[in-house]
Every structure is written in C-alpha cells, then in structure tokens.
Amino acid sequence: MTPPGDTNGTNGNPPTPSTDANGTTDGNRPTKPSGGNMNGGQQGGAPANRESALGIKEGSVITVQDSSGKTLYTATALGSMSSVIFSSADIKEGETYTVLVDGTSVGTAEAKLGTTDSSSSMSTFKPGQGGQPNQNGSQATVGSFKDVPQNSWFASAVQYVTSNSLMNGTSTTAFSPSATMSRGMLMTVLARYAGESTEGGTVWYEKGMNWAKNKGISDGSAPNRNITREQLAAMLYRYAGEPDGAADLSAYTDAGSVSAYAEKAVQWCVKNGILTGKTSSTLAPKATATRAECAAMLQRFAAL
C-alpha cells in the first residue's frame, strides 16, 4: 500500500536525496550532535517524581537580585517550594528580578503586590512556603518568557531549545508554548540542530527546507501547514537513520489511527520515550503538535 502523504497526499516515505552542485549525491543522514539534556518533561502533564520546579529543597539558599546584579534579599528555605514570596522594602511591584537557588539562576520573576504588613505603612511581600503561585507571590519563569513558569512540565525543554538556539520566543517575553508549530519550523529547527546555518533565503524556512529534503528527512511539502505529532515523530525518526525499534502501542486506544508511513517512527519514538501519550490512553497521532511538545520531543531526542 502506498503510504499516505505527510499532509497533502504526497508520499510519506523519505524523498530521494538531491544532488549537490558538484553532481554528487549528498544523501547521508546528518550526524546527531552529542550531549543533550535528559530531563525532558511529559507533554500534557507534569513529569513524575520531579523535585521542586525551582530546585528548591530544605536548606536551599534563595537569592533575589535586581537587573544590575545587586542582591536585595537572601533567605534559607524550610522545605520544597514551587513559588517564592519575599518581604523586602527593596522589591518593587512591577519590577523584574532574577531568582537564584544555591547560587544558580532559575529565571526571572515580576514582583506583584502582596499584603500589607501591619507593622509598616508599606505594602510588602509576606514570607511564605510552597503551594502554587497566587496573587501574593511572584512566579519565577524561564528566561524572560512570562508564559513559561519554572514549575511547568515544559520548562526544562524550553530552556534547552532556547539556550541551544534551536527555537526562539515569539516575542522577547513570550514563548507561546500552546501555539502550533509548522512543518517549515521543524525543518529549520532540525537543520540548526545539525549545525547548519538557516539564515538567508527568499523565505525564512528555505534553507531549512532544502536541507531537510537533501537529507531525506522531509519531502519539503506544505512548509506553512501545522505539523502533527506523527509527522514530528517521522522527521525525528528519519534524522536518526530509521533505526529498528518496534513498540507495543496496544495501551493506546487510537493506535490504529497512526498513518502507515509513520507507524515505525511512532513506535520508535514511543519506545525511546520521545513521544508520550496525549493522555494515558491516547496518542493523538494526527493532532497538531504544540511548540511545547516540539521542544520536549527535541530535548528527549537529543538525550538519546
């Protein structure tokens, strides 16, 4: 049976490698860079057995610094905490501060007005412990992205893809984790992962698309169309050289909806923990992949 198209009826098999300017065929799979962060979260839910999202545990030293690096407040945690609330006249509402745990930055946070201390006429942040962020506290975020809290399941993945220049924010203060990802975006990201320059071109995705076609990772079709979870799995699988790795997908009620061209890719990704269920019983192979899911799968792929 002819495999269905990735998005628009074109063949789902890897395309025939193109020929370079010298007439030689450059069809070799790209070499996977070494290294990678092994702490990817699970898309659609919090990862299991995770320590405090900020890395805060009993005895941790928490420091707040202003934009100049001046330390404004230091405290020792009495237990694991997922948000930080401080009481200090030096911390002003609306200002952004850097939060450090045991000397290492865990991101930035915008101070929000807390309760009023009865012993002072100044509204300050009351000391507190644990719990989810609320109107009395400031939530540390990944870098300057206000929509990526440090306690989100995708925080470490966003940190990985942005620190390695694989993905950028949609603005200086937003990553847009729930937004969709296009096929052209993923081709560009994988080209960057392989160490290729993606600058220039008549359109922003041109170099990434041409690289992906040349390496047999994608046929380059529909670059502006949203990428699905099974298409994402297929491109990563082809990048890896289409290794063996069958997996039993019977635990997922929609396993039968995986397209024929993507079956081996999805099985390999599930077996290696790159692709996890959208829920405990569904894979949602044809659902559009979010930017957060793409970041998480890339991080897990890099950790292999």
C-alpha atoms as a PDB file:
ATOM      1  CA  MET A   1       0.000   0.000   0.000  1.00  0.00           C
ATOM      2  CA  THR A   2       1.304   3.419  -0.884  1.00  0.00           C
ATOM      3  CA  PRO A   3       1.972   5.429   2.287  1.00  0.00           C
ATOM      4  CA  PRO A   4      -0.282   8.449   2.669  1.00  0.00           C
ATOM      5  CA  GLY A   5       1.186  11.930   2.353  1.00  0.00           C
ATOM      6  CA  ASP A   6       2.616  13.815   5.283  1.00  0.00           C
ATOM      7  CA  THR A   7      -0.071  16.442   4.960  1.00  0.00           C
ATOM      8  CA  ASN A   8      -1.398  16.763   1.473  1.00  0.00           C
ATOM      9  CA  GLY A   9      -1.313  13.411  -0.230  1.00  0.00           C
ATOM     10  CA  THR A  10       2.378  13.291  -1.068  1.00  0.00           C
ATOM     11  CA  ASN A  11       4.272  10.130  -0.330  1.00  0.00           C
ATOM     12  CA  GLY A  12       5.231   9.777   3.341  1.00  0.00           C
ATOM     13  CA  ASN A  13       8.476   7.928   2.628  1.00  0.00           C
ATOM     14  CA  PRO A  14      11.742   9.878   2.801  1.00  0.00           C
ATOM     15  CA  PRO A  15      12.294  11.699  -0.511  1.00  0.00           C
ATOM     16  CA  THR A  16      15.103  10.795  -2.854  1.00  0.00           C
ATOM     17  CA  PRO A  17      18.213  12.743  -1.830  1.00  0.00           C
ATOM     18  CA  SER A  18      19.038  15.593  -4.168  1.00  0.00           C
ATOM     19  CA  THR A  19      22.299  16.184  -5.981  1.00  0.00           C
ATOM     20  CA  ASP A  20      24.693  18.917  -4.968  1.00  0.00           C
ATOM     21  CA  ALA A  21      26.378  21.421  -7.239  1.00  0.00           C
ATOM     22  CA  ASN A  22      29.233  19.040  -7.979  1.00  0.00           C
ATOM     23  CA  GLY A  23      26.943  16.288  -9.194  1.00  0.00           C
ATOM     24  CA  THR A  24      27.470  14.077  -6.157  1.00  0.00           C
ATOM     25  CA  THR A  25      24.621  12.759  -4.083  1.00  0.00           C
ATOM     26  CA  ASP A  26      24.511  14.085  -0.553  1.00  0.00           C
ATOM     27  CA  GLY A  27      22.044  11.634   0.900  1.00  0.00           C
ATOM     28  CA  ASN A  28      23.802  10.796   4.142  1.00  0.00           C
ATOM     29  CA  ARG A  29      21.841  11.250   7.322  1.00  0.00           C
ATOM     30  CA  PRO A  30      23.062  14.152   9.441  1.00  0.00           C
ATOM     31  CA  THR A  31      25.272  13.269  12.360  1.00  0.00           C
ATOM     32  CA  LYS A  32      23.400  13.684  15.614  1.00  0.00           C
ATOM     33  CA  PRO A  33      25.206  16.148  17.904  1.00  0.00           C
ATOM     34  CA  SER A  34      26.457  14.727  21.173  1.00  0.00           C
ATOM     35  CA  GLY A  35      25.181  15.806  24.544  1.00  0.00           C
ATOM     36  CA  GLY A  36      21.717  16.962  25.407  1.00  0.00           C
ATOM     37  CA  ASN A  37      19.586  17.476  28.456  1.00  0.00           C
ATOM     38  CA  MET A  38      17.979  14.315  29.779  1.00  0.00           C
ATOM     39  CA  ASN A  39      15.362  15.986  31.907  1.00  0.00           C
ATOM     40  CA  GLY A  40      12.553  16.420  29.400  1.00  0.00           C
ATOM     41  CA  GLY A  41       9.044  16.758  30.775  1.00  0.00           C
ATOM     42  CA  GLN A  42       5.964  14.914  29.615  1.00  0.00           C
ATOM     43  CA  GLN A  43       3.742  16.772  27.221  1.00  0.00           C
ATOM     44  CA  GLY A  44       0.243  17.305  28.518  1.00  0.00           C
ATOM     45  CA  GLY A  45       1.118  16.752  32.167  1.00  0.00           C
ATOM     46  CA  ALA A  46       3.661  17.118  34.913  1.00  0.00           C
ATOM     47  CA  PRO A  47       6.596  14.680  34.880  1.00  0.00           C
ATOM     48  CA  ALA A  48       6.676  12.023  37.561  1.00  0.00           C
ATOM     49  CA  ASN A  49       8.957  12.183  40.600  1.00  0.00           C
ATOM     50  CA  ARG A  50      10.105  15.698  39.844  1.00  0.00           C
ATOM     51  CA  GLU A  51      11.733  17.704  42.599  1.00  0.00           C
ATOM     52  CA  SER A  52      10.617  21.257  43.268  1.00  0.00           C
ATOM     53  CA  ALA A  53      10.247  23.011  39.920  1.00  0.00           C
ATOM     54  CA  LEU A  54      12.658  25.693  41.081  1.00  0.00           C
ATOM     55  CA  GLY A  55      15.101  23.166  42.504  1.00  0.00           C
ATOM     56  CA  ILE A  56      14.275  24.437  45.992  1.00  0.00           C
ATOM     57  CA  LYS A  57      14.530  21.988  48.860  1.00  0.00           C
ATOM     58  CA  GLU A  58      15.038  22.281  52.583  1.00  0.00           C
ATOM     59  CA  GLY A  59      18.237  24.215  53.244  1.00  0.00           C
ATOM     60  CA  SER A  60      18.409  25.846  49.782  1.00  0.00           C
ATOM     61  CA  VAL A  61      19.648  29.432  49.777  1.00  0.00           C
ATOM     62  CA  ILE A  62      17.298  31.648  47.751  1.00  0.00           C
ATOM     63  CA  THR A  63      18.593  34.984  46.481  1.00  0.00           C
ATOM     64  CA  VAL A  64      16.817  37.830  44.699  1.00  0.00           C
ATOM     65  CA  GLN A  65      18.874  40.234  42.589  1.00  0.00           C
ATOM     66  CA  ASP A  66      17.986  43.332  40.596  1.00  0.00           C
ATOM     67  CA  SER A  67      18.935  43.934  36.955  1.00  0.00           C
ATOM     68  CA  SER A  68      22.378  45.192  37.962  1.00  0.00           C
ATOM     69  CA  GLY A  69      23.145  42.015  39.881  1.00  0.00           C
ATOM     70  CA  LYS A  70      22.766  43.633  43.292  1.00  0.00           C
ATOM     71  CA  THR A  71      21.470  41.208  45.936  1.00  0.00           C
ATOM     72  CA  LEU A  72      18.283  42.517  47.538  1.00  0.00           C
ATOM     73  CA  TYR A  73      17.197  39.573  49.622  1.00  0.00           C
ATOM     74  CA  THR A  74      18.555  36.223  50.786  1.00  0.00           C
ATOM     75  CA  ALA A  75      16.734  33.514  52.692  1.00  0.00           C
ATOM     76  CA  THR A  76      17.082  29.819  53.533  1.00  0.00           C
ATOM     77  CA  ALA A  77      14.183  27.552  52.512  1.00  0.00           C
ATOM     78  CA  LEU A  78      12.469  25.494  55.186  1.00  0.00           C
ATOM     79  CA  GLY A  79      11.228  22.978  52.628  1.00  0.00           C
ATOM     80  CA  SER A  80      10.469  22.306  48.952  1.00  0.00           C
ATOM     81  CA  MET A  81       8.830  25.301  47.292  1.00  0.00           C
ATOM     82  CA  SER A  82       7.186  25.856  43.901  1.00  0.00           C
ATOM     83  CA  SER A  83       6.901  29.622  44.271  1.00  0.00           C
ATOM     84  CA  VAL A  84       8.802  32.290  46.164  1.00  0.00           C
ATOM     85  CA  ILE A  85       7.292  35.073  48.251  1.00  0.00           C
ATOM     86  CA  PHE A  86       9.528  37.672  49.888  1.00  0.00           C
ATOM     87  CA  SER A  87       9.157  40.554  52.310  1.00  0.00           C
ATOM     88  CA  SER A  88      11.528  43.376  51.426  1.00  0.00           C
ATOM     89  CA  ALA A  89      11.198  47.134  51.005  1.00  0.00           C
ATOM     90  CA  ASP A  90      13.745  46.897  48.160  1.00  0.00           C
ATOM     91  CA  ILE A  91      11.479  44.747  45.964  1.00  0.00           C
ATOM     92  CA  LYS A  92       9.095  46.932  43.982  1.00  0.00           C
ATOM     93  CA  GLU A  93       5.836  45.888  42.345  1.00  0.00           C
ATOM     94  CA  GLY A  94       6.082  45.539  38.565  1.00  0.00           C
ATOM     95  CA  GLU A  95       9.879  45.297  38.515  1.00  0.00           C
ATOM     96  CA  THR A  96      11.594  42.162  37.192  1.00  0.00           C
ATOM     97  CA  TYR A  97      14.132  40.369  39.364  1.00  0.00           C
ATOM     98  CA  THR A  98      16.450  37.409  38.982  1.00  0.00           C
ATOM     99  CA  VAL A  99      15.900  34.469  41.344  1.00  0.00           C
ATOM    100  CA  LEU A 100      18.870  32.275  42.272  1.00  0.00           C
ATOM    101  CA  VAL A 101      18.781  28.949  44.106  1.00  0.00           C
ATOM    102  CA  ASP A 102      22.062  27.944  45.728  1.00  0.00           C
ATOM    103  CA  GLY A 103      23.869  30.471  43.544  1.00  0.00           C
ATOM    104  CA  THR A 104      22.357  29.363  40.219  1.00  0.00           C
ATOM    105  CA  SER A 105      19.801  31.457  38.352  1.00  0.00           C
ATOM    106  CA  VAL A 106      16.433  29.727  37.835  1.00  0.00           C
ATOM    107  CA  GLY A 107      14.907  32.564  35.841  1.00  0.00           C
ATOM    108  CA  THR A 108      13.280  35.916  36.315  1.00  0.00           C
ATOM    109  CA  ALA A 109      10.098  36.979  38.092  1.00  0.00           C
ATOM    110  CA  GLU A 110       7.950  40.087  38.039  1.00  0.00           C
ATOM    111  CA  ALA A 111       7.091  41.247  41.542  1.00  0.00           C
ATOM    112  CA  LYS A 112       3.414  41.581  42.361  1.00  0.00           C
ATOM    113  CA  LEU A 113       1.887  43.458  45.271  1.00  0.00           C
ATOM    114  CA  GLY A 114       1.364  41.342  48.344  1.00  0.00           C
ATOM    115  CA  THR A 115      -0.377  42.004  51.633  1.00  0.00           C
ATOM    116  CA  THR A 116       0.266  44.959  53.886  1.00  0.00           C
ATOM    117  CA  ASP A 117       2.450  44.395  56.916  1.00  0.00           C
ATOM    118  CA  SER A 118       0.594  45.677  59.973  1.00  0.00           C
ATOM    119  CA  SER A 119       3.840  46.997  61.431  1.00  0.00           C
ATOM    120  CA  SER A 120       4.568  49.172  58.422  1.00  0.00           C
ATOM    121  CA  SER A 121       2.730  51.527  56.124  1.00  0.00           C
ATOM    122  CA  MET A 122       4.454  49.924  53.150  1.00  0.00           C
ATOM    123  CA  SER A 123       2.885  47.112  51.163  1.00  0.00           C
ATOM    124  CA  THR A 124       5.424  44.305  51.111  1.00  0.00           C
ATOM    125  CA  PHE A 125       5.684  40.632  50.211  1.00  0.00           C
ATOM    126  CA  LYS A 126       4.939  38.350  53.129  1.00  0.00           C
ATOM    127  CA  PRO A 127       7.292  35.369  53.665  1.00  0.00           C
ATOM    128  CA  GLY A 128       5.696  32.102  52.605  1.00  0.00           C
ATOM    129  CA  GLN A 129       6.265  28.471  51.672  1.00  0.00           C
ATOM    130  CA  GLY A 130       5.266  26.101  48.894  1.00  0.00           C
ATOM    131  CA  GLY A 131       1.986  25.940  47.055  1.00  0.00           C
ATOM    132  CA  GLN A 132       1.011  27.243  43.646  1.00  0.00           C
ATOM    133  CA  PRO A 133       1.702  30.848  42.660  1.00  0.00           C
ATOM    134  CA  ASN A 134      -1.054  33.238  43.637  1.00  0.00           C
ATOM    135  CA  GLN A 135      -1.776  36.937  43.825  1.00  0.00           C
ATOM    136  CA  ASN A 136       0.523  37.319  46.811  1.00  0.00           C
ATOM    137  CA  GLY A 137       3.647  35.930  45.140  1.00  0.00           C
ATOM    138  CA  SER A 138       5.836  36.170  42.084  1.00  0.00           C
ATOM    139  CA  GLN A 139       6.435  33.143  39.863  1.00  0.00           C
ATOM    140  CA  ALA A 140       9.918  32.514  38.522  1.00  0.00           C
ATOM    141  CA  THR A 141       9.982  31.914  34.780  1.00  0.00           C
ATOM    142  CA  VAL A 142      12.372  30.548  32.162  1.00  0.00           C
ATOM    143  CA  GLY A 143      14.452  33.472  30.997  1.00  0.00           C
ATOM    144  CA  SER A 144      12.256  36.410  30.054  1.00  0.00           C
ATOM    145  CA  PHE A 145       9.316  34.237  28.965  1.00  0.00           C
ATOM    146  CA  LYS A 146       6.401  35.151  31.200  1.00  0.00           C
ATOM    147  CA  ASP A 147       4.355  32.247  29.807  1.00  0.00           C
ATOM    148  CA  VAL A 148       6.885  29.580  30.833  1.00  0.00           C
ATOM    149  CA  PRO A 149       6.733  29.164  34.630  1.00  0.00           C
ATOM    150  CA  GLN A 150       9.584  27.200  36.164  1.00  0.00           C
ATOM    151  CA  ASN A 151       7.063  24.694  37.535  1.00  0.00           C
ATOM    152  CA  SER A 152       5.523  23.928  34.136  1.00  0.00           C
ATOM    153  CA  TRP A 153       6.088  20.489  32.607  1.00  0.00           C
ATOM    154  CA  PHE A 154       7.785  22.054  29.573  1.00  0.00           C
ATOM    155  CA  ALA A 155      10.098  24.482  31.414  1.00  0.00           C
ATOM    156  CA  SER A 156      13.300  22.458  31.028  1.00  0.00           C
ATOM    157  CA  ALA A 157      12.501  21.756  27.370  1.00  0.00           C
ATOM    158  CA  VAL A 158      12.046  25.453  26.608  1.00  0.00           C
ATOM    159  CA  GLN A 159      15.286  26.164  28.432  1.00  0.00           C
ATOM    160  CA  TYR A 160      17.040  23.524  26.299  1.00  0.00           C
ATOM    161  CA  VAL A 161      15.785  24.637  22.880  1.00  0.00           C
ATOM    162  CA  THR A 162      16.285  28.347  23.518  1.00  0.00           C
ATOM    163  CA  SER A 163      19.706  28.048  25.158  1.00  0.00           C
ATOM    164  CA  ASN A 164      20.871  25.923  22.218  1.00  0.00           C
ATOM    165  CA  SER A 165      19.422  28.381  19.659  1.00  0.00           C
ATOM    166  CA  LEU A 166      17.086  25.762  18.210  1.00  0.00           C
ATOM    167  CA  MET A 167      13.888  27.687  18.857  1.00  0.00           C
ATOM    168  CA  ASN A 168      13.219  31.327  19.651  1.00  0.00           C
ATOM    169  CA  GLY A 169      10.444  33.028  21.542  1.00  0.00           C
ATOM    170  CA  THR A 170       7.506  34.505  19.677  1.00  0.00           C
ATOM    171  CA  SER A 171       8.471  37.782  21.383  1.00  0.00           C
ATOM    172  CA  THR A 172      11.023  38.883  23.951  1.00  0.00           C
ATOM    173  CA  THR A 173       8.620  37.968  26.754  1.00  0.00           C
ATOM    174  CA  ALA A 174       6.668  35.030  25.277  1.00  0.00           C
ATOM    175  CA  PHE A 175       7.468  31.523  24.047  1.00  0.00           C
ATOM    176  CA  SER A 176       3.815  30.681  23.250  1.00  0.00           C
ATOM    177  CA  PRO A 177       4.031  27.037  24.402  1.00  0.00           C
ATOM    178  CA  SER A 178       0.461  26.235  23.370  1.00  0.00           C
ATOM    179  CA  ALA A 179       0.794  27.708  19.884  1.00  0.00           C
ATOM    180  CA  THR A 180       1.114  25.466  16.856  1.00  0.00           C
ATOM    181  CA  MET A 181       4.326  24.584  15.040  1.00  0.00           C
ATOM    182  CA  SER A 182       4.607  24.476  11.256  1.00  0.00           C
ATOM    183  CA  ARG A 183       6.415  21.884   9.170  1.00  0.00           C
ATOM    184  CA  GLY A 184       8.795  24.564   7.929  1.00  0.00           C
ATOM    185  CA  MET A 185       9.622  25.495  11.506  1.00  0.00           C
ATOM    186  CA  LEU A 186      10.591  21.921  12.372  1.00  0.00           C
ATOM    187  CA  MET A 187      12.713  21.557   9.225  1.00  0.00           C
ATOM    188  CA  THR A 188      14.515  24.746  10.247  1.00  0.00           C
ATOM    189  CA  VAL A 189      14.961  23.598  13.850  1.00  0.00           C
ATOM    190  CA  LEU A 190      16.423  20.241  12.776  1.00  0.00           C
ATOM    191  CA  ALA A 191      18.786  21.977  10.373  1.00  0.00           C
ATOM    192  CA  ARG A 192      20.003  24.164  13.232  1.00  0.00           C
ATOM    193  CA  TYR A 193      20.355  21.060  15.400  1.00  0.00           C
ATOM    194  CA  ALA A 194      22.614  19.586  12.724  1.00  0.00           C
ATOM    195  CA  GLY A 195      24.757  22.715  12.811  1.00  0.00           C
ATOM    196  CA  GLU A 196      23.510  24.187   9.553  1.00  0.00           C
ATOM    197  CA  SER A 197      23.043  27.918   9.029  1.00  0.00           C
ATOM    198  CA  THR A 198      19.415  28.751   8.314  1.00  0.00           C
ATOM    199  CA  GLU A 199      19.942  32.466   7.728  1.00  0.00           C
ATOM    200  CA  GLY A 200      19.019  33.989   4.390  1.00  0.00           C
ATOM    201  CA  GLY A 201      16.863  32.598   1.622  1.00  0.00           C
ATOM    202  CA  THR A 202      13.897  34.081  -0.194  1.00  0.00           C
ATOM    203  CA  VAL A 203      11.627  32.858   2.616  1.00  0.00           C
ATOM    204  CA  TRP A 204      12.649  32.243   6.218  1.00  0.00           C
ATOM    205  CA  TYR A 205      12.303  28.435   6.010  1.00  0.00           C
ATOM    206  CA  GLU A 206      14.026  27.995   2.625  1.00  0.00           C
ATOM    207  CA  LYS A 207      17.422  26.829   3.873  1.00  0.00           C
ATOM    208  CA  GLY A 208      15.953  24.509   6.482  1.00  0.00           C
ATOM    209  CA  MET A 209      13.525  23.033   3.957  1.00  0.00           C
ATOM    210  CA  ASN A 210      16.229  22.460   1.340  1.00  0.00           C
ATOM    211  CA  TRP A 211      18.458  20.839   3.955  1.00  0.00           C
ATOM    212  CA  ALA A 212      15.650  18.533   5.097  1.00  0.00           C
ATOM    213  CA  LYS A 213      14.884  17.487   1.508  1.00  0.00           C
ATOM    214  CA  ASN A 214      18.558  16.912   0.754  1.00  0.00           C
ATOM    215  CA  LYS A 215      18.981  14.701   3.824  1.00  0.00           C
ATOM    216  CA  GLY A 216      15.822  12.677   3.234  1.00  0.00           C
ATOM    217  CA  ILE A 217      14.123  13.938   6.379  1.00  0.00           C
ATOM    218  CA  SER A 218      11.135  15.519   4.630  1.00  0.00           C
ATOM    219  CA  ASP A 219       9.819  15.940   1.110  1.00  0.00           C
ATOM    220  CA  GLY A 220       9.543  19.644   1.865  1.00  0.00           C
ATOM    221  CA  SER A 221       5.836  19.798   1.152  1.00  0.00           C
ATOM    222  CA  ALA A 222       3.430  22.214   2.857  1.00  0.00           C
ATOM    223  CA  PRO A 223       6.022  24.100   4.954  1.00  0.00           C
ATOM    224  CA  ASN A 224       3.391  26.508   6.264  1.00  0.00           C
ATOM    225  CA  ARG A 225       0.995  23.805   7.386  1.00  0.00           C
ATOM    226  CA  ASN A 226       0.819  22.840  11.059  1.00  0.00           C
ATOM    227  CA  ILE A 227       2.845  19.764  11.880  1.00  0.00           C
ATOM    228  CA  THR A 228       1.143  16.790  13.511  1.00  0.00           C
ATOM    229  CA  ARG A 229       2.540  14.613  16.258  1.00  0.00           C
ATOM    230  CA  GLU A 230       3.115  11.672  13.917  1.00  0.00           C
ATOM    231  CA  GLN A 231       4.838  13.898  11.334  1.00  0.00           C
ATOM    232  CA  LEU A 232       7.132  15.208  14.051  1.00  0.00           C
ATOM    233  CA  ALA A 233       7.920  11.637  15.071  1.00  0.00           C
ATOM    234  CA  ALA A 234       8.581  10.708  11.425  1.00  0.00           C
ATOM    235  CA  MET A 235      11.081  13.527  10.876  1.00  0.00           C
ATOM    236  CA  LEU A 236      12.986  12.690  14.064  1.00  0.00           C
ATOM    237  CA  TYR A 237      12.998   9.011  13.095  1.00  0.00           C
ATOM    238  CA  ARG A 238      14.423   9.781   9.658  1.00  0.00           C
ATOM    239  CA  TYR A 239      17.024  12.082  11.199  1.00  0.00           C
ATOM    240  CA  ALA A 240      18.120   9.164  13.401  1.00  0.00           C
ATOM    241  CA  GLY A 241      18.547   6.944  10.317  1.00  0.00           C
ATOM    242  CA  GLU A 242      15.339   4.925  10.694  1.00  0.00           C
ATOM    243  CA  PRO A 243      16.658   2.554  13.371  1.00  0.00           C
ATOM    244  CA  ASP A 244      14.889  -0.616  14.497  1.00  0.00           C
ATOM    245  CA  GLY A 245      12.677  -0.161  17.492  1.00  0.00           C
ATOM    246  CA  ALA A 246       9.224  -1.725  17.414  1.00  0.00           C
ATOM    247  CA  ALA A 247       6.964  -0.979  20.362  1.00  0.00           C
ATOM    248  CA  ASP A 248       3.611  -2.280  21.534  1.00  0.00           C
ATOM    249  CA  LEU A 249       1.075   0.530  21.216  1.00  0.00           C
ATOM    250  CA  SER A 250      -1.915  -1.525  22.366  1.00  0.00           C
ATOM    251  CA  ALA A 251      -2.230   0.577  25.522  1.00  0.00           C
ATOM    252  CA  TYR A 252      -3.415   3.460  23.349  1.00  0.00           C
ATOM    253  CA  THR A 253      -6.965   3.205  22.082  1.00  0.00           C
ATOM    254  CA  ASP A 254      -6.186   5.285  18.991  1.00  0.00           C
ATOM    255  CA  ALA A 255      -3.028   3.404  17.956  1.00  0.00           C
ATOM    256  CA  GLY A 256      -4.851   2.210  14.850  1.00  0.00           C
ATOM    257  CA  SER A 257      -5.147   5.780  13.596  1.00  0.00           C
ATOM    258  CA  VAL A 258      -1.387   6.150  13.105  1.00  0.00           C
ATOM    259  CA  SER A 259      -0.707   6.597   9.381  1.00  0.00           C
ATOM    260  CA  ALA A 260       1.047   3.692   7.685  1.00  0.00           C
ATOM    261  CA  TYR A 261       4.095   5.778   6.747  1.00  0.00           C
ATOM    262  CA  ALA A 262       4.552   6.839  10.382  1.00  0.00           C
ATOM    263  CA  GLU A 263       3.983   3.514  12.146  1.00  0.00           C
ATOM    264  CA  LYS A 264       7.642   2.594  12.632  1.00  0.00           C
ATOM    265  CA  ALA A 265       8.533   6.162  13.526  1.00  0.00           C
ATOM    266  CA  VAL A 266       5.832   6.437  16.179  1.00  0.00           C
ATOM    267  CA  GLN A 267       6.756   3.047  17.637  1.00  0.00           C
ATOM    268  CA  TRP A 268      10.427   4.013  17.802  1.00  0.00           C
ATOM    269  CA  CYS A 269       9.655   7.355  19.421  1.00  0.00           C
ATOM    270  CA  VAL A 270       7.338   5.743  21.989  1.00  0.00           C
ATOM    271  CA  LYS A 271       9.874   3.015  22.775  1.00  0.00           C
ATOM    272  CA  ASN A 272      12.589   5.619  23.381  1.00  0.00           C
ATOM    273  CA  GLY A 273      10.385   7.932  25.420  1.00  0.00           C
ATOM    274  CA  ILE A 274      10.475  10.702  22.825  1.00  0.00           C
ATOM    275  CA  LEU A 275       6.736  10.606  22.222  1.00  0.00           C
ATOM    276  CA  THR A 276       4.389  10.028  25.134  1.00  0.00           C
ATOM    277  CA  GLY A 277       0.644   9.806  25.207  1.00  0.00           C
ATOM    278  CA  LYS A 278      -1.505  12.887  24.969  1.00  0.00           C
ATOM    279  CA  THR A 279      -3.419  11.160  27.742  1.00  0.00           C
ATOM    280  CA  SER A 280      -2.789   7.851  29.472  1.00  0.00           C
ATOM    281  CA  SER A 281      -4.805   6.049  26.797  1.00  0.00           C
ATOM    282  CA  THR A 282      -4.397   8.164  23.636  1.00  0.00           C
ATOM    283  CA  LEU A 283      -1.502   9.070  21.357  1.00  0.00           C
ATOM    284  CA  ALA A 284      -3.394  11.594  19.227  1.00  0.00           C
ATOM    285  CA  PRO A 285      -1.027  10.999  16.268  1.00  0.00           C
ATOM    286  CA  LYS A 286      -2.905  13.343  13.936  1.00  0.00           C
ATOM    287  CA  ALA A 287      -3.307  16.135  16.466  1.00  0.00           C
ATOM    288  CA  THR A 288      -1.322  19.294  15.833  1.00  0.00           C
ATOM    289  CA  ALA A 289       1.884  19.415  17.861  1.00  0.00           C
ATOM    290  CA  THR A 290       2.304  22.453  20.092  1.00  0.00           C
ATOM    291  CA  ARG A 291       5.532  24.391  20.457  1.00  0.00           C
ATOM    292  CA  ALA A 292       5.916  22.971  23.957  1.00  0.00           C
ATOM    293  CA  GLU A 293       5.508  19.404  22.701  1.00  0.00           C
ATOM    294  CA  CYS A 294       8.036  20.004  19.937  1.00  0.00           C
ATOM    295  CA  ALA A 295      10.519  21.420  22.435  1.00  0.00           C
ATOM    296  CA  ALA A 296      10.036  18.436  24.749  1.00  0.00           C
ATOM    297  CA  MET A 297      10.443  15.861  21.977  1.00  0.00           C
ATOM    298  CA  LEU A 298      13.573  17.600  20.709  1.00  0.00           C
ATOM    299  CA  GLN A 299      15.060  17.591  24.199  1.00  0.00           C
ATOM    300  CA  ARG A 300      14.348  13.892  24.666  1.00  0.00           C
ATOM    301  CA  PHE A 301      15.695  13.099  21.205  1.00  0.00           C
ATOM    302  CA  ALA A 302      18.926  14.949  21.994  1.00  0.00           C
ATOM    303  CA  ALA A 303      19.328  12.935  25.208  1.00  0.00           C
ATOM    304  CA  LEU A 304      19.468   9.571  23.401  1.00  0.00           C
END
